[in-house]
Protein backbone atom coordinates (compact mmCIF):
# COMPACT_ATOMS: atom_id res chain seq x y z
CA MET A 1 -18.06 14.60 4.94
CA LYS A 2 -16.59 11.30 3.71
CA SER A 3 -16.81 8.31 6.01
CA HIS A 4 -14.69 5.20 6.55
CA ALA A 5 -14.93 2.38 9.07
CA VAL A 6 -11.34 3.08 10.18
CA VAL A 7 -9.10 6.10 9.61
CA ILE A 8 -5.37 5.64 10.15
CA ALA A 9 -3.27 8.73 10.86
CA GLY A 10 0.16 8.06 9.37
CA GLY A 11 1.27 6.05 6.36
CA GLY A 12 4.57 4.69 7.62
CA PRO A 13 5.29 0.98 8.15
CA THR A 14 2.78 0.54 10.99
CA GLY A 15 -0.02 2.44 9.28
CA LEU A 16 0.50 0.66 5.98
CA MET A 17 0.55 -2.76 7.62
CA LEU A 18 -2.60 -2.01 9.58
CA ALA A 19 -4.42 -0.77 6.48
CA GLY A 20 -3.49 -3.97 4.69
CA GLU A 21 -4.81 -6.13 7.50
CA LEU A 22 -8.10 -4.27 7.57
CA ALA A 23 -8.49 -4.38 3.78
CA LEU A 24 -7.86 -8.15 3.74
CA ALA A 25 -10.75 -8.49 6.19
CA GLY A 26 -13.02 -6.43 3.97
CA VAL A 27 -13.05 -3.34 6.18
CA ASP A 28 -13.19 0.14 4.65
CA ALA A 29 -9.96 1.70 5.95
CA ALA A 30 -8.24 4.90 4.82
CA ILE A 31 -4.83 6.45 5.56
CA VAL A 32 -4.09 10.14 6.15
CA GLU A 33 -0.44 10.86 5.29
CA ARG A 34 1.38 14.20 5.25
CA ARG A 35 3.81 13.16 2.50
CA THR A 36 2.61 13.68 -1.05
CA SER A 37 4.31 10.42 -2.07
CA GLN A 38 5.77 7.40 -0.29
CA GLU A 39 9.28 8.77 -0.79
CA LEU A 40 11.15 8.87 2.51
CA VAL A 41 13.75 11.52 3.30
CA GLY A 42 16.43 10.86 5.89
CA MET A 43 17.77 7.77 7.62
CA ARG A 44 15.34 5.42 9.29
CA ALA A 45 15.18 1.71 10.09
CA LYS A 46 17.61 -0.49 8.21
CA GLY A 47 16.30 -4.01 8.58
CA LEU A 48 13.76 -6.63 9.53
CA HIS A 49 13.92 -9.20 12.30
CA SER A 50 12.80 -12.81 12.12
CA ARG A 51 9.29 -12.42 13.54
CA THR A 52 8.51 -9.52 11.23
CA ILE A 53 9.56 -11.60 8.23
CA GLU A 54 7.39 -14.41 9.59
CA VAL A 55 4.28 -12.23 9.82
CA LEU A 56 4.89 -11.04 6.27
CA ASP A 57 5.18 -14.71 5.28
CA GLN A 58 1.84 -15.34 6.99
CA ARG A 59 0.33 -13.03 4.38
CA GLY A 60 2.32 -14.44 1.47
CA LEU A 61 4.43 -11.28 1.21
CA ALA A 62 7.81 -12.30 2.62
CA GLU A 63 9.50 -13.08 -0.69
CA LEU A 64 8.75 -9.56 -1.97
CA PHE A 65 10.94 -8.17 0.78
CA VAL A 66 13.55 -10.92 1.03
CA SER A 67 14.29 -10.66 -2.70
CA GLN A 68 15.27 -7.01 -2.29
CA GLY A 69 17.20 -7.26 0.98
CA GLN A 70 20.36 -8.92 2.22
CA PRO A 71 19.98 -11.76 4.76
CA HIS A 72 22.48 -12.03 7.62
CA ASP A 73 22.75 -14.90 10.07
CA ALA A 74 23.49 -12.68 13.07
CA MET A 75 22.40 -9.65 15.05
CA SER A 76 24.09 -7.97 17.98
CA PHE A 77 23.47 -6.86 21.52
CA HIS A 78 25.69 -3.89 22.31
CA GLU A 79 28.90 -4.99 20.54
CA THR A 80 28.40 -8.73 20.95
CA PRO A 81 27.40 -10.61 17.78
CA LEU A 82 24.56 -13.09 18.24
CA LYS A 83 24.32 -15.90 15.71
CA ILE A 84 20.69 -16.78 15.05
CA GLY A 85 20.92 -19.48 12.39
CA ASP A 86 19.98 -22.18 14.90
CA LEU A 87 16.74 -20.54 16.07
CA PRO A 88 13.69 -22.66 15.11
CA SER A 89 12.27 -20.54 12.29
CA ARG A 90 12.35 -20.62 8.48
CA HIS A 91 13.48 -17.03 8.76
CA ASN A 92 16.29 -17.35 11.28
CA TYR A 93 18.16 -14.35 9.94
CA THR A 94 17.98 -10.58 9.87
CA LEU A 95 17.21 -8.86 6.60
CA ALA A 96 19.12 -5.71 5.72
CA LEU A 97 16.50 -3.57 3.98
CA GLN A 98 16.20 0.20 4.17
CA GLN A 99 12.88 1.54 5.46
CA ASN A 100 12.23 3.40 2.21
CA HIS A 101 12.26 0.08 0.34
CA PHE A 102 10.09 -1.57 3.00
CA GLU A 103 7.52 1.20 2.72
CA ARG A 104 7.58 1.18 -1.07
CA ILE A 105 6.86 -2.56 -1.28
CA LEU A 106 4.16 -2.39 1.37
CA ALA A 107 2.57 0.65 -0.27
CA GLU A 108 2.34 -1.27 -3.55
CA HIS A 109 0.53 -4.04 -1.67
CA ILE A 110 -1.85 -1.49 -0.16
CA CYS A 111 -2.52 -0.03 -3.60
CA GLU A 112 -3.51 -3.47 -4.89
CA LEU A 113 -6.00 -3.68 -2.02
CA ASP A 114 -7.51 -0.32 -3.09
CA VAL A 115 -6.90 1.41 0.24
CA PRO A 116 -7.46 5.17 -0.20
CA ILE A 117 -4.69 7.47 1.02
CA TYR A 118 -5.35 11.15 1.73
CA ARG A 119 -1.91 12.53 0.88
CA GLY A 120 -0.39 15.92 1.56
CA CYS A 121 -2.39 16.57 4.71
CA ASP A 122 -2.39 15.88 8.45
CA VAL A 123 -5.00 15.15 11.04
CA THR A 124 -5.32 18.43 12.96
CA GLY A 125 -7.89 17.34 15.51
CA PHE A 126 -10.81 15.03 16.24
CA VAL A 127 -13.87 14.66 18.41
CA GLN A 128 -15.22 11.28 19.35
CA ASP A 129 -18.73 10.39 20.46
CA GLU A 130 -20.62 7.18 21.21
CA THR A 131 -20.90 6.13 17.56
CA GLY A 132 -17.71 7.39 15.95
CA VAL A 133 -15.06 10.03 15.48
CA ASP A 134 -15.10 13.27 13.47
CA VAL A 135 -11.61 13.85 12.10
CA ALA A 136 -10.41 17.27 10.88
CA LEU A 137 -7.73 17.42 8.17
CA SER A 138 -5.25 20.21 7.50
CA ASP A 139 -6.65 20.82 4.01
CA GLY A 140 -10.04 21.74 5.44
CA ARG A 141 -11.76 18.44 4.79
CA SER A 142 -13.37 16.28 7.47
CA LEU A 143 -13.78 12.54 7.78
CA ARG A 144 -16.21 10.48 9.82
CA THR A 145 -15.00 7.13 11.11
CA GLU A 146 -15.98 4.45 13.56
CA TYR A 147 -12.39 4.15 14.83
CA LEU A 148 -9.29 6.34 14.56
CA VAL A 149 -5.82 4.82 14.89
CA GLY A 150 -2.77 6.98 15.58
CA CYS A 151 0.26 5.73 13.67
CA ASP A 152 1.66 9.26 13.52
CA GLY A 153 4.97 8.85 15.32
CA GLY A 154 6.58 9.76 18.61
CA GLN A 155 5.12 13.29 18.62
CA SER A 156 1.67 11.82 17.93
CA LEU A 157 -1.07 14.43 17.74
CA ILE A 158 -3.59 11.61 18.11
CA ARG A 159 -2.10 10.55 21.44
CA LYS A 160 -1.85 14.11 22.72
CA THR A 161 -5.38 15.08 21.66
CA ALA A 162 -6.78 11.95 23.29
CA GLY A 163 -5.06 13.00 26.52
CA ILE A 164 -3.15 9.72 26.83
CA GLU A 165 -0.16 10.05 29.14
CA PHE A 166 3.29 9.19 27.80
CA PRO A 167 5.46 8.36 30.82
CA GLY A 168 9.06 7.22 30.64
CA TRP A 169 12.62 8.47 30.78
CA ASP A 170 14.10 11.69 29.41
CA ALA A 171 17.17 11.73 27.20
CA THR A 172 20.61 11.40 28.78
CA THR A 173 22.60 11.03 25.54
CA SER A 174 22.19 12.14 21.95
CA TRP A 175 23.79 11.03 18.72
CA LEU A 176 24.29 12.62 15.32
CA ILE A 177 23.82 10.42 12.28
CA ALA A 178 24.57 11.51 8.74
CA GLU A 179 25.35 10.37 5.22
CA ILE A 180 28.11 12.59 3.88
CA GLN A 181 30.92 12.79 1.37
CA THR A 182 34.49 13.48 2.49
CA ALA A 183 37.50 14.99 0.79
CA GLU A 184 39.84 12.71 2.76
CA GLU A 185 39.74 9.00 3.63
CA PRO A 186 37.86 8.78 6.94
CA ALA A 187 38.92 6.65 9.89
CA TRP A 188 36.65 3.70 9.11
CA GLY A 189 35.28 1.62 11.94
CA PHE A 190 34.53 2.32 15.58
CA ARG A 191 36.25 4.66 18.00
CA HIS A 192 35.80 4.75 21.77
CA ASP A 193 36.55 7.72 23.99
CA THR A 194 35.33 9.15 27.28
CA VAL A 195 32.23 10.54 25.59
CA GLY A 196 31.04 7.29 24.03
CA ILE A 197 31.24 5.10 20.96
CA HIS A 198 31.48 6.58 17.46
CA GLY A 199 31.45 4.94 14.05
CA ILE A 200 32.15 5.70 10.41
CA GLY A 201 31.09 3.19 7.78
CA LYS A 202 31.36 3.06 4.01
CA LEU A 203 28.05 3.12 2.14
CA ASP A 204 27.39 0.80 -0.79
CA ASP A 205 28.22 3.37 -3.47
CA GLY A 206 31.78 3.66 -2.09
CA ARG A 207 31.67 7.46 -2.22
CA ARG A 208 29.70 8.34 0.90
CA ALA A 209 30.26 7.72 4.57
CA PHE A 210 27.67 6.88 7.18
CA VAL A 211 28.60 8.42 10.54
CA VAL A 212 27.15 7.90 14.01
CA LEU A 213 28.65 10.27 16.57
CA THR A 214 27.97 10.50 20.30
CA GLU A 215 27.56 14.14 21.29
CA ARG A 216 29.28 15.64 24.33
CA GLN A 217 26.07 17.28 25.49
CA VAL A 218 22.48 16.15 25.11
CA GLU A 219 20.79 17.89 22.20
CA SER A 220 17.19 16.99 21.56
CA THR A 221 15.46 19.90 19.89
CA ALA A 222 17.48 21.83 17.29
CA ALA A 223 17.65 20.38 13.77
CA PRO A 224 21.30 19.37 13.19
CA THR A 225 23.38 20.82 10.37
CA LEU A 226 26.57 19.94 8.49
CA ARG A 227 28.38 22.35 10.79
CA ASP A 228 27.28 20.29 13.80
CA VAL A 229 28.58 17.13 12.12
CA SER A 230 31.92 18.78 11.22
CA GLU A 231 32.47 20.19 14.71
CA THR A 232 31.64 16.88 16.33
CA LEU A 233 33.99 14.99 13.98
CA ILE A 234 36.80 17.43 14.80
CA GLY A 235 36.17 17.00 18.51
CA ILE A 236 36.49 13.21 18.18
CA TYR A 237 39.01 12.67 15.36
CA GLY A 238 40.81 16.01 15.22
CA THR A 239 39.50 16.55 11.67
CA ASP A 240 36.21 16.46 9.81
CA PHE A 241 37.88 14.67 6.84
CA GLY A 242 36.60 17.45 4.59
CA ALA A 243 32.96 16.57 5.19
CA HIS A 244 30.61 17.98 2.54
CA SER A 245 27.47 17.32 0.49
CA PRO A 246 25.31 15.68 3.16
CA ASP A 247 22.39 13.60 1.88
CA CYS A 248 20.72 13.60 5.27
CA ILE A 249 21.51 14.56 8.84
CA SER A 250 19.47 13.74 11.90
CA ARG A 251 19.72 13.25 15.63
CA PHE A 252 18.37 10.67 18.01
CA THR A 253 18.45 10.32 21.78
CA ASP A 254 17.97 7.61 24.37
CA MET A 255 14.59 8.94 25.46
CA ALA A 256 12.26 6.03 26.20
CA ARG A 257 8.51 6.51 26.67
CA GLN A 258 5.37 4.42 26.38
CA ALA A 259 1.70 5.34 26.24
CA ALA A 260 -0.09 4.58 29.49
CA THR A 261 -2.88 3.00 27.46
CA TYR A 262 -3.11 2.06 23.81
CA ARG A 263 -6.82 2.85 23.68
CA ASP A 264 -9.19 5.66 24.58
CA ARG A 265 -12.65 4.48 23.55
CA ARG A 266 -12.67 4.76 19.72
CA VAL A 267 -9.09 6.00 19.44
CA LEU A 268 -6.15 3.60 19.39
CA LEU A 269 -2.37 3.93 19.11
CA ALA A 270 0.20 1.77 17.34
CA GLY A 271 3.90 1.91 16.52
CA ASP A 272 5.93 4.94 17.56
CA SER A 273 2.74 6.74 18.63
CA ALA A 274 2.51 4.18 21.42
CA HIS A 275 6.20 3.74 22.25
CA VAL A 276 9.53 5.43 21.53
CA HIS A 277 13.00 4.23 22.44
CA PRO A 278 16.59 4.33 21.19
CA PRO A 279 17.14 2.52 17.87
CA MET A 280 19.69 0.05 19.31
CA GLY A 281 18.83 -3.42 18.11
CA GLY A 282 16.69 -2.10 15.27
CA GLN A 283 13.45 -3.03 17.01
CA GLY A 284 11.19 -0.01 16.44
CA LEU A 285 9.83 -0.67 12.94
CA ASN A 286 9.53 -4.34 13.76
CA ILE A 287 7.35 -4.05 16.83
CA GLY A 288 5.24 -1.42 15.07
CA VAL A 289 4.45 -3.87 12.25
CA GLN A 290 3.67 -6.51 14.86
CA ASP A 291 1.38 -4.05 16.69
CA ALA A 292 -0.53 -3.74 13.43
CA MET A 293 -0.80 -7.52 13.04
CA ASN A 294 -2.23 -7.82 16.54
CA LEU A 295 -4.68 -4.94 16.17
CA GLY A 296 -5.77 -5.43 12.57
CA TRP A 297 -7.88 -8.57 12.79
CA LYS A 298 -9.38 -7.55 16.13
CA LEU A 299 -10.41 -4.12 14.86
CA ALA A 300 -11.82 -5.74 11.71
CA GLN A 301 -14.00 -8.11 13.68
CA VAL A 302 -15.33 -5.31 15.88
CA ALA A 303 -15.96 -3.02 12.90
CA LYS A 304 -17.87 -5.81 11.14
CA GLY A 305 -19.96 -6.56 14.24
CA ILE A 306 -18.53 -10.06 14.65
CA SER A 307 -16.94 -9.41 18.04
CA PRO A 308 -17.86 -7.06 20.88
CA ASP A 309 -15.96 -3.80 21.39
CA SER A 310 -14.23 -5.35 24.42
CA LEU A 311 -12.02 -7.43 22.10
CA LEU A 312 -10.03 -4.24 21.46
CA ASP A 313 -8.97 -4.19 25.11
CA THR A 314 -6.87 -7.30 24.47
CA TYR A 315 -4.72 -5.25 22.08
CA HIS A 316 -3.36 -3.15 24.94
CA THR A 317 -3.18 -6.15 27.27
CA GLU A 318 -1.03 -8.11 24.84
CA ARG A 319 1.11 -5.49 23.15
CA HIS A 320 1.89 -3.09 26.03
CA PRO A 321 4.15 -5.63 27.83
CA VAL A 322 5.99 -6.37 24.56
CA ALA A 323 6.95 -2.73 24.04
CA ALA A 324 7.77 -2.30 27.74
CA ARG A 325 10.35 -5.06 27.38
CA VAL A 326 11.79 -3.44 24.24
CA LEU A 327 12.19 -0.18 26.15
CA ARG A 328 14.16 -1.98 28.85
CA ASN A 329 16.24 -3.83 26.27
CA THR A 330 17.25 -0.61 24.50
CA MET A 331 17.93 1.13 27.81
CA ALA A 332 20.33 -1.72 28.64
CA HIS A 333 22.00 -1.21 25.24
CA VAL A 334 22.58 2.45 26.11
CA ALA A 335 23.88 1.68 29.61
CA LEU A 336 26.46 -0.71 28.18
CA ARG A 337 27.70 1.95 25.73
CA ARG A 338 28.90 4.19 28.56
CA GLN A 339 32.66 4.50 28.69
CA ASP A 340 33.36 4.80 32.41
CA GLU A 341 35.37 1.90 33.83
CA ARG A 342 32.47 0.43 35.82
CA SER A 343 30.19 0.33 32.76
CA LYS A 344 32.94 -1.17 30.62
CA ALA A 345 33.49 -3.87 33.25
CA LEU A 346 29.78 -4.67 33.19
CA ALA A 347 29.78 -4.76 29.37
CA ASP A 348 32.65 -7.24 29.41
CA TYR A 349 30.72 -9.56 31.74
CA VAL A 350 27.55 -9.30 29.65
CA ALA A 351 29.55 -10.12 26.53
CA GLN A 352 30.96 -13.23 28.21
CA PHE A 353 27.48 -14.50 29.05
CA LEU A 354 26.14 -13.76 25.58
CA ARG A 355 28.85 -15.93 24.04
CA MET A 356 27.25 -18.91 25.82
CA ASP A 357 24.56 -20.75 23.89
CA GLU A 358 21.57 -20.38 26.20
CA PRO A 359 21.96 -16.62 26.95
CA ARG A 360 22.69 -16.00 23.25
CA LYS A 361 19.52 -17.82 22.17
CA ARG A 362 17.42 -16.03 24.78
CA MET A 363 18.62 -12.58 23.79
CA ALA A 364 18.38 -13.33 20.07
CA ALA A 365 14.83 -14.65 20.47
CA GLU A 366 13.88 -11.53 22.44
CA ILE A 367 15.26 -9.01 19.97
CA SER A 368 13.93 -10.92 16.97
CA GLY A 369 10.43 -11.15 18.46
CA LEU A 370 10.34 -14.94 18.18
CA ASP A 371 9.79 -15.43 21.91
CA VAL A 372 6.71 -13.16 22.32
CA HIS A 373 4.27 -14.81 24.72
CA TYR A 374 0.79 -13.44 25.28
CA ASN A 375 -0.64 -14.42 28.64
CA LEU A 376 -3.68 -16.46 27.64
CA GLY A 377 -3.70 -18.53 30.81
CA GLU A 378 -2.20 -21.80 31.98
CA GLY A 379 -1.80 -24.72 29.64
CA HIS A 380 0.38 -26.11 26.89
CA PRO A 381 3.57 -24.11 26.16
CA LEU A 382 2.18 -23.22 22.71
CA LEU A 383 -0.70 -21.25 24.21
CA GLY A 384 -0.16 -17.55 23.52
CA ARG A 385 2.99 -18.17 21.45
CA ARG A 386 3.61 -18.02 17.70
CA MET A 387 2.56 -21.10 15.80
CA PRO A 388 5.57 -22.74 14.12
CA ASP A 389 5.45 -22.86 10.33
CA LEU A 390 5.20 -26.63 10.06
CA ASP A 391 5.13 -28.67 6.86
CA LEU A 392 1.71 -30.29 6.94
CA VAL A 393 0.18 -33.14 5.00
CA THR A 394 -3.51 -32.55 4.32
CA ALA A 395 -6.23 -33.97 2.10
CA ASN A 396 -5.34 -31.23 -0.38
CA GLY A 397 -1.67 -32.10 -0.39
CA SER A 398 1.40 -30.70 1.39
CA MET A 399 1.24 -27.14 2.70
CA ARG A 400 2.83 -24.91 5.29
CA VAL A 401 0.97 -23.57 8.32
CA PHE A 402 1.68 -19.99 7.23
CA SER A 403 -0.03 -20.60 3.87
CA LEU A 404 -3.26 -21.21 5.80
CA LEU A 405 -3.04 -17.63 7.12
CA HIS A 406 -2.58 -15.80 3.81
CA ASP A 407 -6.16 -14.51 3.85
CA ALA A 408 -5.91 -13.41 7.51
CA GLN A 409 -8.43 -16.05 8.58
CA PRO A 410 -8.09 -18.09 11.80
CA VAL A 411 -7.65 -21.84 11.49
CA LEU A 412 -8.28 -24.86 13.69
CA ILE A 413 -5.70 -27.50 12.78
CA ASN A 414 -6.63 -31.02 13.86
CA PHE A 415 -3.66 -33.38 14.19
CA GLY A 416 -5.59 -36.17 15.91
CA GLU A 417 -8.17 -38.80 15.05
CA ARG A 418 -11.20 -37.12 16.63
CA SER A 419 -13.46 -34.80 14.69
CA PHE A 420 -14.46 -31.24 15.62
CA ASP A 421 -17.82 -29.63 15.06
CA ILE A 422 -17.33 -25.88 14.65
CA ALA A 423 -20.25 -25.35 12.29
CA PRO A 424 -21.45 -22.18 14.11
CA TRP A 425 -18.10 -20.57 13.23
CA ALA A 426 -17.70 -22.15 9.78
CA ASP A 427 -17.92 -18.77 8.05
CA ARG A 428 -15.11 -17.37 10.21
CA VAL A 429 -12.75 -20.22 11.10
CA GLN A 430 -11.10 -22.75 8.79
CA LEU A 431 -10.96 -26.39 9.89
CA VAL A 432 -8.02 -28.37 8.53
CA ASP A 433 -7.22 -32.00 9.28
CA ALA A 434 -3.49 -32.49 9.00
CA LYS A 435 -0.60 -34.80 9.77
CA TYR A 436 2.79 -33.74 11.03
CA SER A 437 5.47 -36.18 12.10
CA GLY A 438 8.37 -33.89 12.95
CA ALA A 439 9.55 -32.35 16.19
CA TRP A 440 7.78 -29.43 17.86
CA GLU A 441 10.38 -26.85 18.88
CA LEU A 442 9.87 -23.35 20.24
CA PRO A 443 12.47 -20.60 20.63
CA VAL A 444 14.06 -20.62 24.10
CA LEU A 445 11.77 -23.40 25.36
CA GLY A 446 13.06 -26.06 23.00
CA ALA A 447 11.10 -29.25 22.32
CA VAL A 448 7.47 -29.37 23.50
CA THR A 449 4.84 -32.08 23.50
CA ALA A 450 2.92 -32.43 20.26
CA PRO A 451 -0.68 -31.18 20.61
CA THR A 452 -3.69 -32.96 19.11
CA ALA A 453 -5.16 -29.70 17.80
CA VAL A 454 -4.42 -25.96 17.79
CA LEU A 455 -6.57 -22.90 17.18
CA VAL A 456 -4.44 -20.29 15.44
CA ARG A 457 -5.46 -16.62 15.34
CA PRO A 458 -5.02 -14.52 12.16
CA ASP A 459 -1.85 -13.00 13.64
CA GLY A 460 -0.30 -16.45 13.95
CA TYR A 461 -0.57 -16.87 17.72
CA VAL A 462 -2.12 -19.95 19.32
CA ALA A 463 -5.42 -19.26 21.09
CA TRP A 464 -6.25 -22.83 22.18
CA VAL A 465 -4.39 -26.15 22.38
CA GLY A 466 -6.16 -29.50 22.33
CA ASP A 467 -4.97 -32.51 24.30
CA LEU A 468 -7.22 -35.40 23.23
CA THR A 469 -10.33 -33.46 24.32
CA GLN A 470 -12.29 -30.45 23.07
CA GLU A 471 -12.37 -28.81 26.49
CA GLY A 472 -12.21 -25.03 26.27
CA LEU A 473 -12.47 -24.86 22.47
CA LEU A 474 -15.96 -23.36 22.28
CA ASP A 475 -15.01 -20.74 24.87
CA ALA A 476 -11.89 -19.84 22.87
CA LEU A 477 -13.84 -19.60 19.62
CA THR A 478 -16.38 -17.31 21.27
CA MET A 479 -13.71 -15.22 23.00
CA TRP A 480 -11.68 -14.54 19.88
CA PHE A 481 -14.07 -14.95 16.95
CA GLY A 482 -17.48 -13.94 18.25
CA ALA A 483 -20.61 -15.67 19.43
CA PRO A 484 -21.73 -18.78 17.49
CA ALA A 485 -23.99 -18.12 14.55
CA VAL A 486 -27.63 -19.00 15.14
CA ALA A 487 -29.00 -21.51 12.64
């Protein structure tokens, strides 16, 4: 029986990101993935939001993705465009990038970190005890691990086997999506009828059409076929435009569910295993990657014996509310798509508000993930929020805040004149004296008072803010990065 410190079930975006975080921290992590290669069949996520690009930038990876995608200065809520170019971020744009490209680039990064991947097999079961988890694979092999993380999607076997409840809302609407060729010129653009909103768009090659069709009845189980697409097109447009040669056909619904807990002892959940929702707003892949960023460094510290097991409880505490809000956001998207007169009246009012600056910025910051706020207690507005990527001046020259996080190590940045003694944590926490003379601006909140020092976690969130004194710093260091080393 082979053993690893952490076994990750699922090698999609969340699983790959988590494996990378663990490998950066020197933890022996392995992925179990049913696909024999990273090739992805079917239509999945189509882009990255600002905060996801930021967290990739925190690891020095952003340019790999940006160079192969298409930036756009807007997103949308329902049918209302939201300009985001004035949000305070270097990456105040969305990046059009198909999930297959995202996975390919991230998998190459994982390969460079020598993360083993058990391909062509699934986790079929597991048993956990006080010291670890025995994991059974579909090819007959077994693995022993200290922690098992389910990144195996909405039908997660890991979640089900752990007995974690998955409450939420059943589907009320379903949609067909397909990439097809047509013998006739389709009716490009959107169409509204009593059933819902439908769309046909031209793909980049100019030969194929991308269709999204609201179905008259909720279908959530049967695998859709070209015949289903043709019949639905005829019901909406009076013709199927000679639809043929589908590259992929799938179905999604507005079901929204969230795991009651993200942890059962040595088993944890991340990404779609922990939360499923409609794809409106393109938030699923993004919050899964951000789940991994939150969990990765915490799990690494526990696996290495730096922090107590209780640190893992903060993963659920911090990330569960984030996904709960995404579920509500996507449910609102669906409600506004309804075509009865009352819903259309509501949609018109919402659109009016979102054309105003403050509501637009609030909604854009929410969907992009730039306004995430972990409840770390009362204090400076930076506490529990993402650290801005400031241009710093240090003894080693000019550098960005995000460059200090490339190795997934926390950093205490001192902007003041006083000195800090963090010698007991010197092997875990960087100390950087820096100058910054610009404005401090946070999404939604706007300008905030400049701090004298900040303690930034590996995931880029502020764990402590100094205001001329060192009060609370030692407690924060101990809370997040383990007890002080004994000389």
